[in-house]
């Protein structure tokens, strides 16, 4: 887990910032998003009048599956982070802080230990980089619809058209129509 204690930054005046660099940071982001290696992040944590603003870039190698040939491949992605975290408890008294009238239920919160949890943010932002049809390479030929073999490996031919025996009578009508010149 990537938890950052921001108690010191919460005591600072608005506008105070702190740089954070994560290098070769290993993290598990869930079953739907598999990292192929460590992620790198360059983040700036800035005190606002309401809470902490986290901005920066995250770079990670993601393991994906090609939509054409079903081979696994690694996709290097970079995504911008721009999230605000609001305190859930008062720093001085420890009393819970309620949500403001206009605040969303899904707003990011600083937990009762004055920590920001970045893993859900990393997960959400990196999940948005998933393309509709991930390709291992732009010229991927894919799989043969008849046998399921890879089309880019050697010569790939099949003998004649196999006609379903249930449709053989229709095939005969079609060939008779060609003979009549219709």
N, C-alpha and C. Protein backbone atom coordinates (compact mmCIF):
# COMPACT_ATOMS: atom_id res chain seq x y z
N UNK A 1 0.84 -1.18 0.00
CA UNK A 1 0.00 0.00 0.00
C UNK A 1 0.88 1.24 0.00
N UNK A 2 0.37 2.27 -0.61
CA UNK A 2 1.09 3.53 -0.69
C UNK A 2 0.33 4.57 0.13
N UNK A 3 0.66 4.64 1.41
CA UNK A 3 0.03 5.60 2.31
C UNK A 3 1.06 6.68 2.66
N UNK A 4 0.64 7.93 2.55
CA UNK A 4 1.53 9.06 2.86
C UNK A 4 0.96 9.83 4.03
N UNK A 5 1.76 10.01 5.07
CA UNK A 5 1.32 10.80 6.20
C UNK A 5 1.49 12.28 5.85
N UNK A 6 0.40 13.02 5.93
CA UNK A 6 0.41 14.44 5.53
C UNK A 6 0.07 15.35 6.72
N UNK A 7 0.26 14.87 7.95
CA UNK A 7 -0.06 15.68 9.13
C UNK A 7 0.76 16.96 9.14
N UNK A 8 2.04 16.88 8.80
CA UNK A 8 2.89 18.07 8.77
C UNK A 8 2.44 19.06 7.72
N UNK A 9 2.03 18.56 6.57
CA UNK A 9 1.58 19.44 5.50
C UNK A 9 0.23 20.07 5.83
N UNK A 10 -0.62 19.35 6.59
CA UNK A 10 -1.91 19.92 6.99
C UNK A 10 -1.73 21.07 7.98
N UNK A 11 -0.62 21.10 8.72
CA UNK A 11 -0.36 22.19 9.67
C UNK A 11 0.26 23.40 8.98
N UNK A 12 0.74 23.22 7.76
CA UNK A 12 1.40 24.31 7.02
C UNK A 12 0.34 25.24 6.42
N UNK A 13 0.75 26.47 6.09
CA UNK A 13 -0.20 27.40 5.46
C UNK A 13 -0.52 26.98 4.03
N UNK A 14 -1.68 27.40 3.51
CA UNK A 14 -2.02 27.08 2.12
C UNK A 14 -0.94 27.57 1.16
N UNK A 15 -0.67 26.74 0.15
CA UNK A 15 0.36 27.07 -0.83
C UNK A 15 1.65 26.31 -0.59
N UNK A 16 1.83 25.75 0.61
CA UNK A 16 3.03 24.96 0.91
C UNK A 16 2.97 23.66 0.11
N UNK A 17 4.12 23.26 -0.45
CA UNK A 17 4.12 22.03 -1.24
C UNK A 17 5.28 21.13 -0.84
N UNK A 18 5.16 19.88 -1.20
CA UNK A 18 6.18 18.88 -0.95
C UNK A 18 6.27 17.97 -2.17
N UNK A 19 7.49 17.76 -2.66
CA UNK A 19 7.71 16.87 -3.80
C UNK A 19 7.83 15.44 -3.32
N UNK A 20 7.29 14.53 -4.11
CA UNK A 20 7.36 13.11 -3.80
C UNK A 20 7.75 12.36 -5.06
N UNK A 21 8.80 11.57 -4.97
CA UNK A 21 9.23 10.75 -6.10
C UNK A 21 9.19 9.30 -5.66
N UNK A 22 8.45 8.50 -6.40
CA UNK A 22 8.43 7.06 -6.17
C UNK A 22 9.19 6.43 -7.32
N UNK A 23 10.24 5.69 -7.02
CA UNK A 23 11.04 5.02 -8.04
C UNK A 23 11.03 3.53 -7.75
N UNK A 24 10.81 2.74 -8.79
CA UNK A 24 10.78 1.28 -8.66
C UNK A 24 9.86 0.86 -7.52
N UNK A 25 8.67 1.42 -7.51
CA UNK A 25 7.68 1.18 -6.46
C UNK A 25 6.77 0.02 -6.86
N UNK A 26 6.85 -1.08 -6.12
CA UNK A 26 6.00 -2.23 -6.40
C UNK A 26 4.71 -2.11 -5.61
N UNK A 27 3.61 -2.35 -6.28
CA UNK A 27 2.30 -2.24 -5.66
C UNK A 27 1.33 -3.18 -6.38
N UNK A 28 0.36 -3.70 -5.66
CA UNK A 28 -0.69 -4.52 -6.25
C UNK A 28 -1.93 -3.64 -6.38
N UNK A 29 -2.45 -3.54 -7.60
CA UNK A 29 -3.58 -2.64 -7.84
C UNK A 29 -4.91 -3.36 -8.02
N UNK A 30 -4.93 -4.68 -7.93
CA UNK A 30 -6.18 -5.42 -8.04
C UNK A 30 -6.12 -6.44 -9.15
N UNK A 31 -7.12 -7.31 -9.20
CA UNK A 31 -7.11 -8.40 -10.18
C UNK A 31 -7.36 -7.94 -11.62
N UNK A 32 -7.94 -6.78 -11.80
CA UNK A 32 -8.26 -6.31 -13.15
C UNK A 32 -7.15 -5.48 -13.78
N UNK A 33 -6.08 -5.23 -13.04
CA UNK A 33 -4.99 -4.39 -13.53
C UNK A 33 -3.67 -4.98 -13.04
N UNK A 34 -2.91 -5.55 -13.98
CA UNK A 34 -1.68 -6.24 -13.60
C UNK A 34 -0.46 -5.44 -14.06
N UNK A 35 0.36 -5.08 -13.09
CA UNK A 35 1.60 -4.39 -13.41
C UNK A 35 2.64 -5.42 -13.84
N UNK A 36 3.41 -5.07 -14.87
CA UNK A 36 4.48 -5.96 -15.35
C UNK A 36 5.80 -5.61 -14.69
N UNK A 37 5.81 -4.65 -13.81
CA UNK A 37 7.01 -4.21 -13.12
C UNK A 37 6.66 -3.08 -12.18
N UNK A 38 7.66 -2.41 -11.65
CA UNK A 38 7.39 -1.32 -10.72
C UNK A 38 6.91 -0.07 -11.43
N UNK A 39 6.22 0.78 -10.68
CA UNK A 39 5.77 2.06 -11.24
C UNK A 39 6.66 3.17 -10.72
N UNK A 40 6.70 4.25 -11.48
CA UNK A 40 7.44 5.46 -11.11
C UNK A 40 6.44 6.61 -11.05
N UNK A 41 6.60 7.48 -10.07
CA UNK A 41 5.70 8.63 -9.96
C UNK A 41 6.49 9.86 -9.52
N UNK A 42 6.15 10.97 -10.13
CA UNK A 42 6.66 12.28 -9.73
C UNK A 42 5.44 13.10 -9.33
N UNK A 43 5.27 13.31 -8.04
CA UNK A 43 4.07 13.96 -7.52
C UNK A 43 4.44 15.20 -6.71
N UNK A 44 3.53 16.16 -6.69
CA UNK A 44 3.64 17.34 -5.84
C UNK A 44 2.40 17.36 -4.95
N UNK A 45 2.62 17.39 -3.65
CA UNK A 45 1.54 17.50 -2.68
C UNK A 45 1.49 18.95 -2.23
N UNK A 46 0.36 19.60 -2.42
CA UNK A 46 0.24 21.03 -2.11
C UNK A 46 -0.91 21.25 -1.14
N UNK A 47 -0.65 22.03 -0.12
CA UNK A 47 -1.67 22.37 0.86
C UNK A 47 -2.60 23.41 0.25
N UNK A 48 -3.90 23.15 0.31
CA UNK A 48 -4.91 24.11 -0.14
C UNK A 48 -5.66 24.61 1.09
N UNK A 49 -6.59 25.49 0.88
CA UNK A 49 -7.37 25.99 2.03
C UNK A 49 -8.34 24.94 2.56
N UNK A 50 -8.58 23.88 1.76
CA UNK A 50 -9.49 22.81 2.18
C UNK A 50 -8.78 21.53 2.57
N UNK A 51 -7.67 21.20 1.91
CA UNK A 51 -7.02 19.92 2.15
C UNK A 51 -5.67 19.84 1.46
N UNK A 52 -5.44 18.73 0.75
CA UNK A 52 -4.18 18.47 0.06
C UNK A 52 -4.48 18.17 -1.41
N UNK A 53 -3.77 18.85 -2.31
CA UNK A 53 -3.90 18.62 -3.74
C UNK A 53 -2.69 17.80 -4.19
N UNK A 54 -2.95 16.68 -4.87
CA UNK A 54 -1.89 15.81 -5.38
C UNK A 54 -1.90 15.91 -6.89
N UNK A 55 -0.76 16.34 -7.46
CA UNK A 55 -0.62 16.48 -8.91
C UNK A 55 0.68 15.84 -9.34
N UNK A 56 0.68 15.33 -10.57
CA UNK A 56 1.92 14.77 -11.10
C UNK A 56 1.68 13.73 -12.17
N UNK A 57 2.71 12.93 -12.42
CA UNK A 57 2.68 11.89 -13.45
C UNK A 57 3.04 10.54 -12.84
N UNK A 58 2.35 9.51 -13.33
CA UNK A 58 2.66 8.13 -12.95
C UNK A 58 2.95 7.37 -14.23
N UNK A 59 4.05 6.63 -14.22
CA UNK A 59 4.44 5.79 -15.35
C UNK A 59 4.50 4.35 -14.87
N UNK A 60 3.91 3.43 -15.67
CA UNK A 60 3.88 2.03 -15.25
C UNK A 60 3.82 1.11 -16.46
N UNK A 61 4.46 -0.05 -16.36
CA UNK A 61 4.31 -1.07 -17.40
C UNK A 61 3.12 -1.97 -17.05
N UNK A 62 2.13 -1.99 -17.93
CA UNK A 62 0.93 -2.79 -17.68
C UNK A 62 0.91 -4.02 -18.58
N UNK A 63 0.52 -5.14 -18.00
CA UNK A 63 0.41 -6.37 -18.77
C UNK A 63 -0.98 -6.41 -19.39
N UNK A 64 -1.01 -6.55 -20.71
CA UNK A 64 -2.28 -6.58 -21.45
C UNK A 64 -2.33 -7.83 -22.33
N UNK A 65 -3.50 -8.10 -22.92
CA UNK A 65 -3.69 -9.21 -23.84
C UNK A 65 -4.15 -8.66 -25.18
N UNK A 66 -3.49 -9.06 -26.25
CA UNK A 66 -3.81 -8.58 -27.59
C UNK A 66 -5.22 -9.03 -27.98
N UNK A 67 -6.01 -8.12 -28.53
CA UNK A 67 -7.37 -8.43 -28.93
C UNK A 67 -7.43 -9.27 -30.21
N UNK A 68 -6.36 -9.30 -30.99
CA UNK A 68 -6.35 -10.07 -32.24
C UNK A 68 -5.74 -11.45 -32.09
N UNK A 69 -4.56 -11.54 -31.46
CA UNK A 69 -3.88 -12.84 -31.40
C UNK A 69 -3.87 -13.45 -30.01
N UNK A 70 -4.42 -12.78 -29.03
CA UNK A 70 -4.52 -13.21 -27.63
C UNK A 70 -3.17 -13.43 -26.95
N UNK A 71 -2.09 -12.89 -27.49
CA UNK A 71 -0.78 -12.98 -26.86
C UNK A 71 -0.67 -11.90 -25.78
N UNK A 72 -0.01 -12.21 -24.66
CA UNK A 72 0.23 -11.17 -23.67
C UNK A 72 1.34 -10.23 -24.14
N UNK A 73 1.26 -8.97 -23.75
CA UNK A 73 2.31 -8.00 -24.06
C UNK A 73 2.33 -6.94 -22.97
N UNK A 74 3.40 -6.18 -22.94
CA UNK A 74 3.56 -5.13 -21.93
C UNK A 74 3.40 -3.78 -22.61
N UNK A 75 2.56 -2.94 -22.02
CA UNK A 75 2.25 -1.61 -22.54
C UNK A 75 2.75 -0.58 -21.52
N UNK A 76 3.70 0.26 -21.94
CA UNK A 76 4.21 1.32 -21.06
C UNK A 76 3.25 2.51 -21.14
N UNK A 77 2.67 2.89 -20.00
CA UNK A 77 1.71 3.99 -19.99
C UNK A 77 2.17 5.07 -19.02
N UNK A 78 1.74 6.28 -19.29
CA UNK A 78 1.97 7.42 -18.41
C UNK A 78 0.65 8.16 -18.27
N UNK A 79 0.32 8.53 -17.07
CA UNK A 79 -0.97 9.17 -16.82
C UNK A 79 -0.78 10.30 -15.80
N UNK A 80 -1.55 11.35 -16.00
CA UNK A 80 -1.50 12.50 -15.09
C UNK A 80 -2.42 12.26 -13.90
N UNK A 81 -1.97 12.71 -12.74
CA UNK A 81 -2.75 12.63 -11.50
C UNK A 81 -3.08 14.05 -11.09
N UNK A 82 -4.34 14.30 -10.74
CA UNK A 82 -4.78 15.60 -10.28
C UNK A 82 -5.97 15.38 -9.35
N UNK A 83 -5.70 15.16 -8.07
CA UNK A 83 -6.74 14.81 -7.10
C UNK A 83 -6.60 15.65 -5.84
N UNK A 84 -7.73 16.02 -5.25
CA UNK A 84 -7.72 16.73 -3.98
C UNK A 84 -8.24 15.80 -2.89
N UNK A 85 -7.56 15.80 -1.75
CA UNK A 85 -7.95 15.01 -0.59
C UNK A 85 -8.36 15.95 0.53
N UNK A 86 -9.49 15.64 1.14
CA UNK A 86 -10.03 16.48 2.21
C UNK A 86 -9.91 15.75 3.54
N UNK A 87 -9.61 16.47 4.63
CA UNK A 87 -9.46 15.81 5.93
C UNK A 87 -10.78 15.25 6.45
N UNK A 88 -10.67 14.12 7.15
CA UNK A 88 -11.87 13.51 7.75
C UNK A 88 -11.92 13.75 9.26
N UNK A 89 -10.77 14.15 9.86
CA UNK A 89 -10.73 14.51 11.28
C UNK A 89 -9.93 15.80 11.44
N UNK A 90 -10.29 16.56 12.48
CA UNK A 90 -9.57 17.80 12.77
C UNK A 90 -8.19 17.45 13.32
N UNK A 91 -7.17 18.09 12.81
CA UNK A 91 -5.79 17.78 13.18
C UNK A 91 -5.52 18.09 14.65
N UNK A 92 -6.06 19.19 15.16
CA UNK A 92 -5.78 19.61 16.54
C UNK A 92 -6.60 18.83 17.56
N UNK A 93 -7.90 18.66 17.32
CA UNK A 93 -8.77 18.04 18.32
C UNK A 93 -9.04 16.56 18.08
N UNK A 94 -8.89 16.10 16.86
CA UNK A 94 -9.21 14.70 16.55
C UNK A 94 -10.69 14.47 16.34
N UNK A 95 -11.48 15.54 16.34
CA UNK A 95 -12.93 15.42 16.14
C UNK A 95 -13.23 15.16 14.66
N UNK A 96 -14.21 14.31 14.38
CA UNK A 96 -14.57 14.05 12.98
C UNK A 96 -15.07 15.31 12.29
N UNK A 97 -14.71 15.44 11.02
CA UNK A 97 -15.16 16.57 10.21
C UNK A 97 -16.21 16.02 9.24
N UNK A 98 -17.40 16.60 9.29
CA UNK A 98 -18.47 16.17 8.39
C UNK A 98 -18.25 16.67 6.97
N UNK A 99 -19.01 16.13 6.07
CA UNK A 99 -18.93 16.56 4.67
C UNK A 99 -19.65 17.89 4.49
N UNK A 100 -19.11 18.73 3.61
CA UNK A 100 -19.76 19.99 3.27
C UNK A 100 -21.01 19.71 2.46
N UNK A 101 -21.89 20.71 2.36
CA UNK A 101 -23.15 20.53 1.65
C UNK A 101 -22.93 20.18 0.18
N UNK A 102 -21.97 20.78 -0.47
CA UNK A 102 -21.75 20.53 -1.89
C UNK A 102 -20.75 19.42 -2.17
N UNK A 103 -20.23 18.77 -1.13
CA UNK A 103 -19.18 17.76 -1.31
C UNK A 103 -19.78 16.42 -1.73
N UNK A 104 -19.14 15.80 -2.69
CA UNK A 104 -19.59 14.52 -3.22
C UNK A 104 -19.30 13.40 -2.22
N UNK A 105 -20.11 12.35 -2.26
CA UNK A 105 -19.89 11.19 -1.40
C UNK A 105 -18.62 10.44 -1.81
N UNK A 106 -18.20 10.60 -3.05
CA UNK A 106 -17.01 9.90 -3.55
C UNK A 106 -15.74 10.75 -3.45
N UNK A 107 -15.81 11.88 -2.77
CA UNK A 107 -14.63 12.73 -2.63
C UNK A 107 -13.53 11.99 -1.88
N UNK A 108 -12.29 12.22 -2.28
CA UNK A 108 -11.15 11.59 -1.62
C UNK A 108 -10.97 12.18 -0.23
N UNK A 109 -10.75 11.30 0.73
CA UNK A 109 -10.62 11.75 2.12
C UNK A 109 -9.25 11.35 2.69
N UNK A 110 -8.73 12.18 3.56
CA UNK A 110 -7.54 11.87 4.34
C UNK A 110 -8.05 11.10 5.56
N UNK A 111 -7.47 9.92 5.82
CA UNK A 111 -8.02 9.07 6.88
C UNK A 111 -7.74 9.65 8.28
N UNK A 112 -8.23 8.95 9.30
CA UNK A 112 -8.12 9.43 10.68
C UNK A 112 -6.68 9.44 11.20
N UNK A 113 -5.77 8.78 10.50
CA UNK A 113 -4.34 8.81 10.85
C UNK A 113 -3.59 9.88 10.06
N UNK A 114 -4.32 10.73 9.35
CA UNK A 114 -3.77 11.82 8.54
C UNK A 114 -2.92 11.28 7.39
N UNK A 115 -3.41 10.22 6.77
CA UNK A 115 -2.70 9.58 5.66
C UNK A 115 -3.54 9.63 4.40
N UNK A 116 -2.85 9.79 3.28
CA UNK A 116 -3.47 9.73 1.95
C UNK A 116 -3.13 8.37 1.37
N UNK A 117 -4.14 7.65 0.90
CA UNK A 117 -3.92 6.35 0.27
C UNK A 117 -3.94 6.56 -1.25
N UNK A 118 -2.79 6.33 -1.89
CA UNK A 118 -2.65 6.59 -3.33
C UNK A 118 -3.00 5.39 -4.21
N UNK A 119 -3.01 4.17 -3.66
CA UNK A 119 -3.27 2.99 -4.49
C UNK A 119 -4.60 3.06 -5.25
N UNK A 120 -5.71 3.46 -4.63
CA UNK A 120 -6.96 3.56 -5.41
C UNK A 120 -6.89 4.59 -6.53
N UNK A 121 -6.14 5.68 -6.30
CA UNK A 121 -5.98 6.70 -7.34
C UNK A 121 -5.16 6.13 -8.49
N UNK A 122 -4.06 5.45 -8.17
CA UNK A 122 -3.24 4.81 -9.20
C UNK A 122 -4.08 3.82 -9.99
N UNK A 123 -4.87 3.01 -9.30
CA UNK A 123 -5.71 2.00 -9.97
C UNK A 123 -6.69 2.66 -10.93
N UNK A 124 -7.42 3.65 -10.45
CA UNK A 124 -8.44 4.30 -11.28
C UNK A 124 -7.83 4.98 -12.51
N UNK A 125 -6.75 5.71 -12.31
CA UNK A 125 -6.15 6.44 -13.43
C UNK A 125 -5.51 5.49 -14.44
N UNK A 126 -4.82 4.45 -13.97
CA UNK A 126 -4.20 3.50 -14.90
C UNK A 126 -5.24 2.64 -15.60
N UNK A 127 -6.37 2.36 -14.96
CA UNK A 127 -7.45 1.59 -15.60
C UNK A 127 -8.02 2.34 -16.80
N UNK A 128 -8.04 3.66 -16.71
CA UNK A 128 -8.59 4.46 -17.80
C UNK A 128 -7.71 4.44 -19.05
N UNK A 129 -6.50 3.91 -18.96
CA UNK A 129 -5.62 3.84 -20.13
C UNK A 129 -5.86 2.59 -20.97
N UNK A 130 -6.72 1.69 -20.52
CA UNK A 130 -7.01 0.45 -21.25
C UNK A 130 -7.71 0.78 -22.57
N UNK A 131 -7.08 0.45 -23.70
CA UNK A 131 -7.74 0.71 -24.99
C UNK A 131 -8.89 -0.27 -25.23
N UNK A 132 -9.81 0.09 -26.12
CA UNK A 132 -10.92 -0.80 -26.43
C UNK A 132 -10.42 -2.09 -27.06
N UNK A 133 -9.44 -2.00 -27.93
CA UNK A 133 -8.87 -3.16 -28.60
C UNK A 133 -7.35 -3.10 -28.46
N UNK A 134 -6.81 -3.60 -27.35
CA UNK A 134 -5.36 -3.55 -27.18
C UNK A 134 -4.66 -4.45 -28.21
N UNK A 135 -3.63 -3.92 -28.85
CA UNK A 135 -2.89 -4.67 -29.86
C UNK A 135 -1.44 -4.79 -29.45
N UNK A 136 -0.88 -5.99 -29.63
CA UNK A 136 0.53 -6.19 -29.30
C UNK A 136 1.41 -5.39 -30.25
N UNK A 137 0.97 -5.20 -31.47
CA UNK A 137 1.65 -4.35 -32.45
C UNK A 137 0.60 -3.95 -33.49
N UNK A 138 0.76 -2.82 -34.16
CA UNK A 138 -0.27 -2.34 -35.08
C UNK A 138 -0.55 -3.28 -36.25
N UNK A 139 0.45 -4.04 -36.71
CA UNK A 139 0.25 -4.92 -37.86
C UNK A 139 -0.05 -6.36 -37.45
N UNK A 140 -0.54 -6.60 -36.25
CA UNK A 140 -0.87 -7.95 -35.78
C UNK A 140 -1.94 -8.55 -36.69
N UNK A 141 -1.66 -9.72 -37.25
CA UNK A 141 -2.58 -10.36 -38.19
C UNK A 141 -3.73 -11.07 -37.49
N UNK A 142 -3.56 -11.48 -36.26
CA UNK A 142 -4.63 -12.13 -35.52
C UNK A 142 -4.65 -13.63 -35.71
N UNK A 143 -5.84 -14.22 -35.50
CA UNK A 143 -6.02 -15.66 -35.56
C UNK A 143 -6.90 -16.05 -36.73
N UNK A 144 -6.68 -17.26 -37.25
CA UNK A 144 -7.50 -17.79 -38.35
C UNK A 144 -8.89 -18.13 -37.80
N UNK A 145 -9.94 -17.69 -38.47
CA UNK A 145 -11.28 -18.01 -37.98
C UNK A 145 -11.64 -19.49 -38.16
N UNK A 146 -10.94 -20.20 -39.05
CA UNK A 146 -11.25 -21.61 -39.28
C UNK A 146 -10.56 -22.52 -38.27
N UNK A 147 -9.25 -22.35 -38.08
CA UNK A 147 -8.51 -23.28 -37.22
C UNK A 147 -8.00 -22.65 -35.93
N UNK A 148 -7.99 -21.34 -35.82
CA UNK A 148 -7.52 -20.68 -34.61
C UNK A 148 -6.02 -20.48 -34.56
N UNK A 149 -5.30 -20.85 -35.62
CA UNK A 149 -3.86 -20.65 -35.67
C UNK A 149 -3.51 -19.20 -35.95
N UNK A 150 -2.28 -18.84 -35.64
CA UNK A 150 -1.83 -17.47 -35.88
C UNK A 150 -1.59 -17.26 -37.37
N UNK A 151 -2.15 -16.17 -37.89
CA UNK A 151 -2.04 -15.88 -39.32
C UNK A 151 -0.66 -15.39 -39.73
N UNK A 152 0.11 -14.88 -38.79
CA UNK A 152 1.42 -14.34 -39.16
C UNK A 152 2.55 -15.37 -39.07
N UNK A 153 2.22 -16.64 -38.85
CA UNK A 153 3.23 -17.69 -38.76
C UNK A 153 3.16 -18.57 -40.00
N UNK A 154 4.10 -18.39 -40.93
CA UNK A 154 4.18 -19.23 -42.14
C UNK A 154 2.97 -19.11 -43.04
N UNK A 155 2.89 -20.07 -43.98
CA UNK A 155 1.77 -20.13 -44.93
C UNK A 155 0.56 -20.71 -44.21
N UNK A 156 -0.58 -20.09 -44.41
CA UNK A 156 -1.79 -20.52 -43.70
C UNK A 156 -2.92 -20.70 -44.72
N UNK A 157 -3.10 -21.93 -45.16
CA UNK A 157 -4.15 -22.22 -46.15
C UNK A 157 -5.00 -23.38 -45.66
N UNK A 158 -6.24 -23.38 -46.10
CA UNK A 158 -7.16 -24.47 -45.79
C UNK A 158 -7.67 -25.05 -47.10
N UNK A 159 -7.96 -26.35 -47.09
CA UNK A 159 -8.44 -27.00 -48.32
C UNK A 159 -9.92 -26.73 -48.52
N UNK A 160 -10.23 -26.13 -49.65
CA UNK A 160 -11.61 -25.92 -50.08
C UNK A 160 -12.54 -25.39 -49.01
N UNK A 161 -13.75 -25.13 -49.44
CA UNK A 161 -14.77 -24.69 -48.51
C UNK A 161 -15.54 -25.90 -48.02
N UNK A 162 -15.52 -26.14 -46.74
CA UNK A 162 -16.30 -27.23 -46.17
C UNK A 162 -17.73 -26.74 -46.02
N UNK A 163 -18.66 -27.42 -46.68
CA UNK A 163 -20.07 -27.04 -46.63
C UNK A 163 -20.74 -27.89 -45.58
N UNK A 164 -21.50 -27.23 -44.76
CA UNK A 164 -22.27 -27.93 -43.73
C UNK A 164 -23.23 -28.88 -44.44
N UNK A 165 -23.26 -30.17 -44.07
CA UNK A 165 -24.13 -31.12 -44.76
C UNK A 165 -25.61 -30.74 -44.70
N UNK A 166 -25.99 -29.98 -43.71
CA UNK A 166 -27.41 -29.57 -43.61
C UNK A 166 -27.76 -28.53 -44.67
N UNK A 167 -26.72 -27.86 -45.20
CA UNK A 167 -26.95 -26.83 -46.20
C UNK A 167 -26.55 -27.30 -47.60
N UNK A 168 -26.23 -28.58 -47.78
CA UNK A 168 -25.78 -29.10 -49.07
C UNK A 168 -26.84 -28.91 -50.15
N UNK A 169 -28.11 -29.07 -49.80
CA UNK A 169 -29.19 -28.91 -50.79
C UNK A 169 -29.23 -27.47 -51.29
N UNK A 170 -29.02 -26.50 -50.41
CA UNK A 170 -29.00 -25.10 -50.84
C UNK A 170 -27.79 -24.84 -51.72
N UNK A 171 -26.67 -25.48 -51.43
CA UNK A 171 -25.47 -25.35 -52.25
C UNK A 171 -25.71 -25.89 -53.65
N UNK A 172 -26.46 -26.98 -53.74
CA UNK A 172 -26.79 -27.55 -55.05
C UNK A 172 -27.66 -26.59 -55.84
N UNK A 173 -28.62 -25.95 -55.19
CA UNK A 173 -29.48 -24.97 -55.88
C UNK A 173 -28.65 -23.78 -56.37
N UNK A 174 -27.70 -23.37 -55.57
CA UNK A 174 -26.85 -22.25 -55.94
C UNK A 174 -26.01 -22.60 -57.17
N UNK A 175 -25.45 -23.79 -57.19
CA UNK A 175 -24.64 -24.18 -58.37
C UNK A 175 -25.52 -24.38 -59.60
N UNK A 176 -26.79 -24.83 -59.44
CA UNK A 176 -27.71 -24.96 -60.58
C UNK A 176 -28.08 -23.59 -61.14
N UNK A 177 -28.22 -22.61 -60.25
CA UNK A 177 -28.54 -21.25 -60.68
C UNK A 177 -27.42 -20.65 -61.50
N UNK A 178 -26.15 -20.97 -61.18
CA UNK A 178 -25.01 -20.48 -61.93
C UNK A 178 -24.98 -21.08 -63.32
N UNK A 179 -25.42 -22.33 -63.47
CA UNK A 179 -25.41 -23.01 -64.77
C UNK A 179 -26.47 -22.42 -65.70
N UNK A 180 -27.59 -21.93 -65.15
CA UNK A 180 -28.65 -21.36 -65.98
C UNK A 180 -28.31 -19.94 -66.42
N UNK A 181 -27.29 -19.37 -65.87
CA UNK A 181 -26.92 -18.02 -66.24
C UNK A 181 -27.68 -16.97 -65.47
N UNK A 182 -28.28 -17.32 -64.40
CA UNK A 182 -29.03 -16.36 -63.60
C UNK A 182 -28.18 -15.68 -62.59
